[in-house]
Amino acid sequence: MTLKSSFQQLAGKLDRLRATFEELLQWAITQGKPEHEDHVLVNRYDDATNDLIGLIEEARAAAQLGLQASARQPNLSEARNAMIVCQSAINKVSKRYFSEMVSFEALKALDSLAEEQRKQWPQWVSGVKDALDQCRSPIEEVSVALFECWQEVSERASLVSVSVQTTNTGQQISLTPERESQAQSKTVS
């Protein structure tokens, strides 16, 4: 795989992740709720989803910069910087998704709502939980694509060779008397 193709793959996976959050999860949260009803969990999940979509867009913009940096004459420094921004945004997405949206406590709150409001909310809870579950695979795919980009950037960086030519014909190293005695005692031991 080339550096450019790894960034293209990452951008595609980020597009899929964004679509999953926007078209599945956000729709389930806002459109699937009972008519003329509202609950604090709707607002909590909607706010979190909007924040995550913003982070995914930030990661996508960084991946696009990485793609531009990998075109023709790859600029590894720019590609690396783009990867850092992308990785940071996706780390935030992953952390928030797993700690706030699908944690034991968060899922228990959804289950409690379904039990307490058996008439209106069980279908909404089921739809939200299903959409949350469908977000896992795209998050994992983005993580794999990020790893592949890091691998390509690292491989390209290791191919860079540096040639050093010295112009002095000698070098004098002098030690202080204290350092000289330390050096001598180490050679004797």
N, C-alpha and C. Protein backbone atom coordinates (compact mmCIF):
# COMPACT_ATOMS: atom_id res chain seq x y z
N MET A 1 0.85 -1.17 0.00
CA MET A 1 0.00 0.00 0.00
C MET A 1 0.90 1.24 0.00
N THR A 2 0.47 2.27 -0.67
CA THR A 2 1.23 3.51 -0.70
C THR A 2 0.71 4.45 0.39
N LEU A 3 1.49 5.46 0.67
CA LEU A 3 1.08 6.45 1.65
C LEU A 3 -0.22 7.13 1.21
N LYS A 4 -0.26 7.47 -0.08
CA LYS A 4 -1.46 8.12 -0.61
C LYS A 4 -2.69 7.21 -0.48
N SER A 5 -2.55 5.95 -0.83
CA SER A 5 -3.70 5.05 -0.75
C SER A 5 -4.11 4.80 0.69
N SER A 6 -3.17 4.83 1.62
CA SER A 6 -3.55 4.64 3.03
C SER A 6 -4.35 5.84 3.53
N PHE A 7 -3.99 7.04 3.09
CA PHE A 7 -4.78 8.22 3.46
C PHE A 7 -6.15 8.20 2.78
N GLN A 8 -6.20 7.73 1.54
CA GLN A 8 -7.49 7.62 0.85
C GLN A 8 -8.40 6.64 1.59
N GLN A 9 -7.83 5.52 2.00
CA GLN A 9 -8.61 4.52 2.74
C GLN A 9 -9.09 5.10 4.08
N LEU A 10 -8.22 5.82 4.77
CA LEU A 10 -8.60 6.45 6.03
C LEU A 10 -9.75 7.44 5.83
N ALA A 11 -9.65 8.26 4.79
CA ALA A 11 -10.71 9.23 4.51
C ALA A 11 -12.04 8.53 4.24
N GLY A 12 -11.99 7.43 3.51
CA GLY A 12 -13.22 6.66 3.25
C GLY A 12 -13.82 6.08 4.51
N LYS A 13 -12.98 5.56 5.39
CA LYS A 13 -13.46 4.99 6.66
C LYS A 13 -14.04 6.08 7.55
N LEU A 14 -13.42 7.27 7.52
CA LEU A 14 -13.96 8.39 8.30
C LEU A 14 -15.31 8.85 7.74
N ASP A 15 -15.45 8.83 6.42
CA ASP A 15 -16.75 9.16 5.81
C ASP A 15 -17.82 8.18 6.26
N ARG A 16 -17.47 6.90 6.29
CA ARG A 16 -18.43 5.87 6.73
C ARG A 16 -18.79 6.07 8.20
N LEU A 17 -17.79 6.38 9.02
CA LEU A 17 -18.04 6.61 10.45
C LEU A 17 -18.97 7.80 10.64
N ARG A 18 -18.70 8.87 9.92
CA ARG A 18 -19.55 10.06 10.04
C ARG A 18 -20.98 9.74 9.61
N ALA A 19 -21.13 9.03 8.51
CA ALA A 19 -22.46 8.67 8.04
C ALA A 19 -23.20 7.79 9.05
N THR A 20 -22.49 6.89 9.68
CA THR A 20 -23.11 6.02 10.68
C THR A 20 -23.62 6.84 11.86
N PHE A 21 -22.80 7.77 12.34
CA PHE A 21 -23.23 8.61 13.46
C PHE A 21 -24.36 9.55 13.05
N GLU A 22 -24.24 10.11 11.86
CA GLU A 22 -25.23 11.11 11.43
C GLU A 22 -26.53 10.48 10.94
N GLU A 23 -26.43 9.48 10.09
CA GLU A 23 -27.62 8.91 9.47
C GLU A 23 -28.31 7.85 10.32
N LEU A 24 -27.55 7.13 11.11
CA LEU A 24 -28.16 6.09 11.94
C LEU A 24 -28.41 6.57 13.37
N LEU A 25 -27.32 6.93 14.04
CA LEU A 25 -27.44 7.26 15.46
C LEU A 25 -28.22 8.55 15.69
N GLN A 26 -27.84 9.60 15.01
CA GLN A 26 -28.54 10.87 15.23
C GLN A 26 -30.01 10.77 14.82
N TRP A 27 -30.26 10.05 13.75
CA TRP A 27 -31.65 9.87 13.33
C TRP A 27 -32.43 9.09 14.40
N ALA A 28 -31.86 8.01 14.90
CA ALA A 28 -32.54 7.21 15.93
C ALA A 28 -32.82 8.04 17.18
N ILE A 29 -31.89 8.92 17.52
CA ILE A 29 -32.06 9.74 18.73
C ILE A 29 -33.13 10.79 18.54
N THR A 30 -33.07 11.52 17.44
CA THR A 30 -33.97 12.67 17.28
C THR A 30 -35.29 12.33 16.60
N GLN A 31 -35.24 11.48 15.59
CA GLN A 31 -36.47 11.19 14.84
C GLN A 31 -37.23 9.99 15.39
N GLY A 32 -36.55 9.12 16.10
CA GLY A 32 -37.21 7.93 16.60
C GLY A 32 -37.89 8.10 17.94
N LYS A 33 -37.76 9.27 18.54
CA LYS A 33 -38.36 9.47 19.87
C LYS A 33 -39.87 9.65 19.75
N PRO A 34 -40.58 9.34 20.81
CA PRO A 34 -42.04 9.51 20.78
C PRO A 34 -42.42 10.97 20.48
N GLU A 35 -43.48 11.12 19.71
CA GLU A 35 -43.95 12.46 19.36
C GLU A 35 -44.41 13.21 20.60
N HIS A 36 -44.09 14.49 20.63
CA HIS A 36 -44.48 15.38 21.72
C HIS A 36 -43.94 14.93 23.08
N GLU A 37 -42.92 14.12 23.07
CA GLU A 37 -42.29 13.67 24.32
C GLU A 37 -40.83 14.09 24.30
N ASP A 38 -40.29 14.29 25.48
CA ASP A 38 -38.87 14.60 25.57
C ASP A 38 -38.33 14.00 26.86
N HIS A 39 -37.05 13.75 26.86
CA HIS A 39 -36.40 13.17 28.04
C HIS A 39 -34.96 13.65 28.04
N VAL A 40 -34.37 13.75 29.21
CA VAL A 40 -32.99 14.21 29.34
C VAL A 40 -32.02 13.32 28.56
N LEU A 41 -32.31 12.04 28.44
CA LEU A 41 -31.42 11.15 27.68
C LEU A 41 -31.40 11.49 26.20
N VAL A 42 -32.51 11.98 25.67
CA VAL A 42 -32.53 12.40 24.27
C VAL A 42 -31.52 13.53 24.07
N ASN A 43 -31.58 14.52 24.96
CA ASN A 43 -30.65 15.65 24.85
C ASN A 43 -29.21 15.22 25.08
N ARG A 44 -28.97 14.35 26.05
CA ARG A 44 -27.61 13.90 26.35
C ARG A 44 -27.02 13.17 25.15
N TYR A 45 -27.79 12.23 24.58
CA TYR A 45 -27.26 11.48 23.43
C TYR A 45 -27.16 12.34 22.17
N ASP A 46 -28.08 13.27 22.00
CA ASP A 46 -28.01 14.16 20.83
C ASP A 46 -26.79 15.07 20.92
N ASP A 47 -26.56 15.65 22.10
CA ASP A 47 -25.38 16.52 22.28
C ASP A 47 -24.08 15.74 22.05
N ALA A 48 -24.00 14.56 22.63
CA ALA A 48 -22.79 13.74 22.47
C ALA A 48 -22.58 13.37 21.01
N THR A 49 -23.64 13.02 20.32
CA THR A 49 -23.53 12.64 18.91
C THR A 49 -23.07 13.82 18.07
N ASN A 50 -23.62 15.00 18.32
CA ASN A 50 -23.18 16.20 17.58
C ASN A 50 -21.71 16.50 17.83
N ASP A 51 -21.28 16.35 19.08
CA ASP A 51 -19.86 16.57 19.40
C ASP A 51 -18.98 15.56 18.66
N LEU A 52 -19.40 14.31 18.63
CA LEU A 52 -18.61 13.28 17.96
C LEU A 52 -18.56 13.50 16.46
N ILE A 53 -19.64 13.93 15.88
CA ILE A 53 -19.65 14.24 14.44
C ILE A 53 -18.66 15.37 14.16
N GLY A 54 -18.61 16.36 15.03
CA GLY A 54 -17.65 17.45 14.87
C GLY A 54 -16.21 16.95 14.94
N LEU A 55 -15.93 16.04 15.87
CA LEU A 55 -14.59 15.47 15.98
C LEU A 55 -14.24 14.62 14.75
N ILE A 56 -15.22 13.89 14.24
CA ILE A 56 -14.99 13.08 13.05
C ILE A 56 -14.69 13.99 11.85
N GLU A 57 -15.39 15.11 11.76
CA GLU A 57 -15.13 16.07 10.68
C GLU A 57 -13.72 16.65 10.81
N GLU A 58 -13.29 16.90 12.05
CA GLU A 58 -11.92 17.38 12.28
C GLU A 58 -10.90 16.33 11.82
N ALA A 59 -11.17 15.08 12.16
CA ALA A 59 -10.28 14.00 11.73
C ALA A 59 -10.28 13.88 10.21
N ARG A 60 -11.42 14.03 9.59
CA ARG A 60 -11.53 13.93 8.13
C ARG A 60 -10.75 15.04 7.45
N ALA A 61 -10.84 16.26 8.00
CA ALA A 61 -10.08 17.38 7.44
C ALA A 61 -8.57 17.11 7.56
N ALA A 62 -8.15 16.54 8.68
CA ALA A 62 -6.73 16.21 8.86
C ALA A 62 -6.31 15.12 7.88
N ALA A 63 -7.16 14.13 7.68
CA ALA A 63 -6.85 13.07 6.71
C ALA A 63 -6.73 13.65 5.31
N GLN A 64 -7.54 14.62 4.99
CA GLN A 64 -7.46 15.28 3.68
C GLN A 64 -6.12 16.01 3.53
N LEU A 65 -5.67 16.66 4.61
CA LEU A 65 -4.35 17.31 4.58
C LEU A 65 -3.24 16.28 4.41
N GLY A 66 -3.40 15.14 5.07
CA GLY A 66 -2.43 14.06 4.91
C GLY A 66 -2.42 13.53 3.50
N LEU A 67 -3.59 13.44 2.89
CA LEU A 67 -3.68 12.99 1.50
C LEU A 67 -2.97 13.97 0.58
N GLN A 68 -3.16 15.26 0.80
CA GLN A 68 -2.47 16.27 0.00
C GLN A 68 -0.95 16.20 0.21
N ALA A 69 -0.55 15.94 1.44
CA ALA A 69 0.88 15.85 1.75
C ALA A 69 1.52 14.62 1.14
N SER A 70 0.72 13.61 0.84
CA SER A 70 1.26 12.36 0.29
C SER A 70 1.23 12.32 -1.23
N ALA A 71 0.68 13.34 -1.85
CA ALA A 71 0.61 13.37 -3.31
C ALA A 71 1.98 13.68 -3.91
N ARG A 72 2.26 13.13 -5.06
CA ARG A 72 3.49 13.31 -5.83
C ARG A 72 4.74 13.20 -4.98
N GLN A 73 5.28 14.32 -4.52
CA GLN A 73 6.46 14.31 -3.65
C GLN A 73 5.98 14.34 -2.20
N PRO A 74 5.91 13.19 -1.55
CA PRO A 74 5.37 13.16 -0.19
C PRO A 74 6.14 14.05 0.78
N ASN A 75 5.40 14.80 1.57
CA ASN A 75 5.97 15.62 2.63
C ASN A 75 5.67 14.90 3.93
N LEU A 76 6.63 14.14 4.41
CA LEU A 76 6.41 13.30 5.59
C LEU A 76 6.12 14.11 6.84
N SER A 77 6.69 15.27 6.95
CA SER A 77 6.43 16.11 8.12
C SER A 77 4.97 16.55 8.16
N GLU A 78 4.46 17.00 7.03
CA GLU A 78 3.05 17.40 6.96
C GLU A 78 2.13 16.19 7.13
N ALA A 79 2.50 15.07 6.56
CA ALA A 79 1.69 13.86 6.71
C ALA A 79 1.64 13.43 8.18
N ARG A 80 2.79 13.48 8.83
CA ARG A 80 2.85 13.11 10.25
C ARG A 80 2.00 14.06 11.10
N ASN A 81 2.10 15.36 10.83
CA ASN A 81 1.30 16.34 11.58
C ASN A 81 -0.20 16.11 11.37
N ALA A 82 -0.58 15.78 10.15
CA ALA A 82 -1.99 15.47 9.87
C ALA A 82 -2.43 14.23 10.64
N MET A 83 -1.55 13.23 10.70
CA MET A 83 -1.87 12.01 11.44
C MET A 83 -2.04 12.29 12.93
N ILE A 84 -1.24 13.17 13.47
CA ILE A 84 -1.34 13.51 14.89
C ILE A 84 -2.70 14.13 15.19
N VAL A 85 -3.12 15.07 14.36
CA VAL A 85 -4.43 15.72 14.54
C VAL A 85 -5.55 14.70 14.40
N CYS A 86 -5.45 13.86 13.38
CA CYS A 86 -6.46 12.84 13.13
C CYS A 86 -6.54 11.85 14.29
N GLN A 87 -5.38 11.38 14.74
CA GLN A 87 -5.34 10.41 15.84
C GLN A 87 -5.93 11.01 17.11
N SER A 88 -5.60 12.25 17.39
CA SER A 88 -6.13 12.92 18.58
C SER A 88 -7.66 13.01 18.54
N ALA A 89 -8.19 13.40 17.40
CA ALA A 89 -9.66 13.51 17.27
C ALA A 89 -10.33 12.15 17.41
N ILE A 90 -9.77 11.13 16.79
CA ILE A 90 -10.37 9.79 16.87
C ILE A 90 -10.23 9.21 18.27
N ASN A 91 -9.14 9.51 18.97
CA ASN A 91 -9.03 9.08 20.36
C ASN A 91 -10.15 9.67 21.21
N LYS A 92 -10.47 10.94 20.96
CA LYS A 92 -11.57 11.60 21.69
C LYS A 92 -12.91 10.97 21.33
N VAL A 93 -13.10 10.66 20.06
CA VAL A 93 -14.35 10.00 19.62
C VAL A 93 -14.50 8.67 20.35
N SER A 94 -13.47 7.88 20.30
CA SER A 94 -13.51 6.55 20.91
C SER A 94 -13.75 6.64 22.42
N LYS A 95 -13.03 7.52 23.06
CA LYS A 95 -13.16 7.66 24.52
C LYS A 95 -14.58 8.07 24.89
N ARG A 96 -15.10 9.07 24.21
CA ARG A 96 -16.44 9.55 24.55
C ARG A 96 -17.51 8.52 24.21
N TYR A 97 -17.36 7.87 23.09
CA TYR A 97 -18.34 6.85 22.70
C TYR A 97 -18.39 5.73 23.74
N PHE A 98 -17.21 5.21 24.10
CA PHE A 98 -17.20 4.07 25.02
C PHE A 98 -17.45 4.47 26.47
N SER A 99 -17.07 5.66 26.88
CA SER A 99 -17.26 6.03 28.29
C SER A 99 -18.61 6.68 28.57
N GLU A 100 -19.18 7.37 27.58
CA GLU A 100 -20.43 8.09 27.82
C GLU A 100 -21.65 7.50 27.14
N MET A 101 -21.45 6.84 26.02
CA MET A 101 -22.62 6.42 25.24
C MET A 101 -22.94 4.93 25.39
N VAL A 102 -21.93 4.11 25.51
CA VAL A 102 -22.19 2.66 25.62
C VAL A 102 -21.60 2.05 26.89
N SER A 103 -21.28 2.90 27.86
CA SER A 103 -20.80 2.37 29.13
C SER A 103 -21.94 1.63 29.82
N PHE A 104 -21.59 0.85 30.81
CA PHE A 104 -22.59 0.11 31.58
C PHE A 104 -23.65 1.07 32.14
N GLU A 105 -23.19 2.17 32.70
CA GLU A 105 -24.11 3.14 33.31
C GLU A 105 -25.04 3.77 32.28
N ALA A 106 -24.48 4.11 31.12
CA ALA A 106 -25.29 4.74 30.07
C ALA A 106 -26.35 3.78 29.54
N LEU A 107 -25.97 2.54 29.32
CA LEU A 107 -26.94 1.55 28.82
C LEU A 107 -27.98 1.22 29.89
N LYS A 108 -27.56 1.22 31.13
CA LYS A 108 -28.51 0.97 32.23
C LYS A 108 -29.54 2.10 32.31
N ALA A 109 -29.10 3.34 32.09
CA ALA A 109 -30.03 4.48 32.08
C ALA A 109 -31.06 4.32 30.95
N LEU A 110 -30.61 3.85 29.80
CA LEU A 110 -31.55 3.61 28.70
C LEU A 110 -32.55 2.52 29.06
N ASP A 111 -32.05 1.43 29.65
CA ASP A 111 -32.93 0.33 30.05
C ASP A 111 -33.94 0.79 31.10
N SER A 112 -33.49 1.62 32.02
CA SER A 112 -34.39 2.14 33.06
C SER A 112 -35.49 2.99 32.45
N LEU A 113 -35.16 3.79 31.47
CA LEU A 113 -36.17 4.60 30.78
C LEU A 113 -37.21 3.71 30.11
N ALA A 114 -36.75 2.66 29.45
CA ALA A 114 -37.68 1.75 28.78
C ALA A 114 -38.60 1.05 29.79
N GLU A 115 -38.06 0.71 30.94
CA GLU A 115 -38.88 0.05 31.97
C GLU A 115 -39.86 1.00 32.63
N GLU A 116 -39.43 2.22 32.91
CA GLU A 116 -40.28 3.20 33.59
C GLU A 116 -41.38 3.73 32.68
N GLN A 117 -41.11 3.91 31.45
CA GLN A 117 -42.06 4.48 30.50
C GLN A 117 -42.41 3.45 29.44
N ARG A 118 -43.00 2.36 29.87
CA ARG A 118 -43.25 1.22 28.97
C ARG A 118 -44.12 1.57 27.77
N LYS A 119 -44.89 2.60 27.86
CA LYS A 119 -45.80 2.93 26.77
C LYS A 119 -45.09 3.60 25.60
N GLN A 120 -44.26 4.64 25.90
CA GLN A 120 -43.72 5.45 24.83
C GLN A 120 -42.27 5.15 24.45
N TRP A 121 -41.42 4.76 25.38
CA TRP A 121 -39.99 4.80 25.17
C TRP A 121 -39.28 3.50 24.80
N PRO A 122 -39.82 2.33 25.01
CA PRO A 122 -39.05 1.11 24.69
C PRO A 122 -38.59 1.03 23.24
N GLN A 123 -39.41 1.46 22.31
CA GLN A 123 -39.02 1.40 20.90
C GLN A 123 -37.87 2.37 20.62
N TRP A 124 -37.91 3.56 21.23
CA TRP A 124 -36.83 4.52 21.06
C TRP A 124 -35.52 3.97 21.63
N VAL A 125 -35.60 3.40 22.83
CA VAL A 125 -34.41 2.84 23.47
C VAL A 125 -33.82 1.73 22.60
N SER A 126 -34.68 0.87 22.08
CA SER A 126 -34.21 -0.22 21.22
C SER A 126 -33.53 0.31 19.96
N GLY A 127 -34.12 1.33 19.35
CA GLY A 127 -33.53 1.93 18.15
C GLY A 127 -32.19 2.59 18.43
N VAL A 128 -32.08 3.29 19.55
CA VAL A 128 -30.83 3.96 19.91
C VAL A 128 -29.75 2.92 20.22
N LYS A 129 -30.11 1.89 20.96
CA LYS A 129 -29.12 0.85 21.28
C LYS A 129 -28.64 0.14 20.02
N ASP A 130 -29.55 -0.11 19.08
CA ASP A 130 -29.16 -0.75 17.82
C ASP A 130 -28.22 0.16 17.03
N ALA A 131 -28.53 1.46 16.96
CA ALA A 131 -27.67 2.40 16.25
C ALA A 131 -26.30 2.51 16.93
N LEU A 132 -26.30 2.54 18.26
CA LEU A 132 -25.02 2.58 18.99
C LEU A 132 -24.18 1.36 18.66
N ASP A 133 -24.82 0.21 18.60
CA ASP A 133 -24.11 -1.03 18.30
C ASP A 133 -23.51 -0.99 16.88
N GLN A 134 -24.22 -0.37 15.95
CA GLN A 134 -23.73 -0.28 14.57
C GLN A 134 -22.57 0.71 14.41
N CYS A 135 -22.30 1.52 15.44
CA CYS A 135 -21.18 2.45 15.40
C CYS A 135 -19.85 1.77 15.73
N ARG A 136 -19.89 0.64 16.40
CA ARG A 136 -18.66 -0.03 16.84
C ARG A 136 -17.75 -0.42 15.67
N SER A 137 -18.31 -1.07 14.68
CA SER A 137 -17.51 -1.55 13.56
C SER A 137 -16.81 -0.41 12.81
N PRO A 138 -17.50 0.68 12.47
CA PRO A 138 -16.80 1.78 11.79
C PRO A 138 -15.71 2.42 12.65
N ILE A 139 -15.89 2.47 13.97
CA ILE A 139 -14.84 3.00 14.85
C ILE A 139 -13.61 2.09 14.76
N GLU A 140 -13.83 0.79 14.81
CA GLU A 140 -12.71 -0.16 14.70
C GLU A 140 -12.03 -0.05 13.35
N GLU A 141 -12.80 0.11 12.28
CA GLU A 141 -12.22 0.23 10.94
C GLU A 141 -11.36 1.49 10.81
N VAL A 142 -11.79 2.58 11.43
CA VAL A 142 -10.99 3.81 11.41
C VAL A 142 -9.69 3.59 12.17
N SER A 143 -9.77 2.89 13.30
CA SER A 143 -8.55 2.61 14.08
C SER A 143 -7.55 1.80 13.26
N VAL A 144 -8.04 0.81 12.52
CA VAL A 144 -7.15 -0.01 11.67
C VAL A 144 -6.56 0.85 10.56
N ALA A 145 -7.38 1.70 9.93
CA ALA A 145 -6.89 2.57 8.86
C ALA A 145 -5.86 3.57 9.39
N LEU A 146 -6.08 4.08 10.59
CA LEU A 146 -5.09 4.97 11.21
C LEU A 146 -3.77 4.25 11.43
N PHE A 147 -3.85 3.03 11.92
CA PHE A 147 -2.63 2.25 12.12
C PHE A 147 -1.89 2.07 10.81
N GLU A 148 -2.60 1.76 9.75
CA GLU A 148 -1.96 1.57 8.44
C GLU A 148 -1.31 2.86 7.95
N CYS A 149 -1.94 4.01 8.21
CA CYS A 149 -1.32 5.28 7.84
C CYS A 149 -0.04 5.51 8.65
N TRP A 150 -0.10 5.25 9.93
CA TRP A 150 1.10 5.40 10.77
C TRP A 150 2.21 4.48 10.27
N GLN A 151 1.84 3.29 9.89
CA GLN A 151 2.83 2.33 9.39
C GLN A 151 3.47 2.85 8.11
N GLU A 152 2.67 3.38 7.20
CA GLU A 152 3.20 3.91 5.94
C GLU A 152 4.10 5.13 6.19
N VAL A 153 3.68 6.02 7.08
CA VAL A 153 4.50 7.19 7.39
C VAL A 153 5.83 6.74 8.00
N SER A 154 5.77 5.77 8.90
CA SER A 154 6.99 5.26 9.54
C SER A 154 7.92 4.60 8.54
N GLU A 155 7.35 3.80 7.64
CA GLU A 155 8.17 3.14 6.63
C GLU A 155 8.83 4.15 5.71
N ARG A 156 8.10 5.18 5.32
CA ARG A 156 8.67 6.21 4.46
C ARG A 156 9.78 6.96 5.19
N ALA A 157 9.56 7.24 6.45
CA ALA A 157 10.57 7.96 7.23
C ALA A 157 11.84 7.13 7.38
N SER A 158 11.70 5.82 7.47
CA SER A 158 12.88 4.98 7.63
C SER A 158 13.67 4.85 6.33
N LEU A 159 13.06 5.19 5.22
CA LEU A 159 13.76 5.12 3.93
C LEU A 159 14.62 6.35 3.66
N VAL A 160 14.39 7.39 4.44
CA VAL A 160 15.16 8.61 4.26
C VAL A 160 16.58 8.34 4.75
N SER A 161 17.55 8.61 3.89
CA SER A 161 18.94 8.38 4.30
C SER A 161 19.62 9.72 4.52
N VAL A 162 20.52 9.71 5.45
CA VAL A 162 21.27 10.92 5.76
C VAL A 162 22.75 10.61 5.60
N SER A 163 23.45 11.48 4.94
CA SER A 163 24.88 11.32 4.76
C SER A 163 25.58 12.42 5.54
N VAL A 164 26.54 12.03 6.36
CA VAL A 164 27.28 12.99 7.15
C VAL A 164 28.74 12.92 6.71
N GLN A 165 29.30 14.06 6.42
CA GLN A 165 30.69 14.11 6.01
C GLN A 165 31.41 15.04 6.97
N THR A 166 32.47 14.54 7.56
CA THR A 166 33.24 15.38 8.47
C THR A 166 34.32 16.10 7.69
N THR A 167 34.62 17.29 8.13
CA THR A 167 35.64 18.08 7.45
C THR A 167 36.90 18.24 8.29
N ASN A 168 36.84 17.91 9.56
CA ASN A 168 38.02 17.98 10.41
C ASN A 168 38.78 16.67 10.30
N THR A 169 40.08 16.74 10.43
CA THR A 169 40.87 15.52 10.34
C THR A 169 41.14 14.90 11.71
N GLY A 170 40.78 15.57 12.73
CA GLY A 170 41.00 15.03 14.06
C GLY A 170 40.18 15.78 15.07
N GLN A 171 40.16 15.24 16.26
CA GLN A 171 39.40 15.87 17.31
C GLN A 171 40.16 15.66 18.61
N GLN A 172 40.25 16.67 19.39
CA GLN A 172 40.95 16.55 20.65
C GLN A 172 39.91 16.55 21.75
N ILE A 173 40.00 15.55 22.60
CA ILE A 173 39.10 15.45 23.75
C ILE A 173 39.96 15.58 24.99
N SER A 174 39.62 16.51 25.81
CA SER A 174 40.38 16.65 27.04
C SER A 174 39.44 16.49 28.22
N LEU A 175 39.92 15.83 29.21
CA LEU A 175 39.14 15.58 30.41
C LEU A 175 39.69 16.41 31.55
N THR A 176 38.80 16.78 32.43
CA THR A 176 39.26 17.45 33.64
C THR A 176 39.99 16.42 34.47
N PRO A 177 40.88 16.84 35.36
CA PRO A 177 41.63 15.86 36.16
C PRO A 177 40.70 14.89 36.91
N GLU A 178 39.58 15.39 37.39
CA GLU A 178 38.63 14.53 38.11
C GLU A 178 38.04 13.47 37.19
N ARG A 179 37.62 13.84 36.00
CA ARG A 179 37.06 12.90 35.02
C ARG A 179 38.12 11.91 34.55
N GLU A 180 39.35 12.38 34.42
CA GLU A 180 40.44 11.51 33.98
C GLU A 180 40.67 10.40 34.99
N SER A 181 40.64 10.74 36.28
CA SER A 181 40.85 9.70 37.31
C SER A 181 39.68 8.73 37.34
N GLN A 182 38.44 9.23 37.08
CA GLN A 182 37.26 8.36 37.01
C GLN A 182 37.39 7.39 35.83
N ALA A 183 37.85 7.91 34.71
CA ALA A 183 38.00 7.08 33.51
C ALA A 183 39.05 6.01 33.74
N GLN A 184 40.14 6.38 34.40
CA GLN A 184 41.21 5.42 34.66
C GLN A 184 40.75 4.34 35.63
N SER A 185 39.96 4.75 36.65
CA SER A 185 39.50 3.74 37.62
C SER A 185 38.51 2.77 36.98
N LYS A 186 37.75 3.22 35.98
CA LYS A 186 36.82 2.33 35.30
C LYS A 186 37.56 1.33 34.42
N THR A 187 38.67 1.77 33.83
CA THR A 187 39.42 0.84 32.98
C THR A 187 40.19 -0.18 33.80
N VAL A 188 40.53 0.18 35.04
CA VAL A 188 41.23 -0.75 35.92
C VAL A 188 40.29 -1.80 36.46
N SER A 189 39.05 -1.45 36.73
CA SER A 189 38.08 -2.39 37.32
C SER A 189 37.72 -3.50 36.44
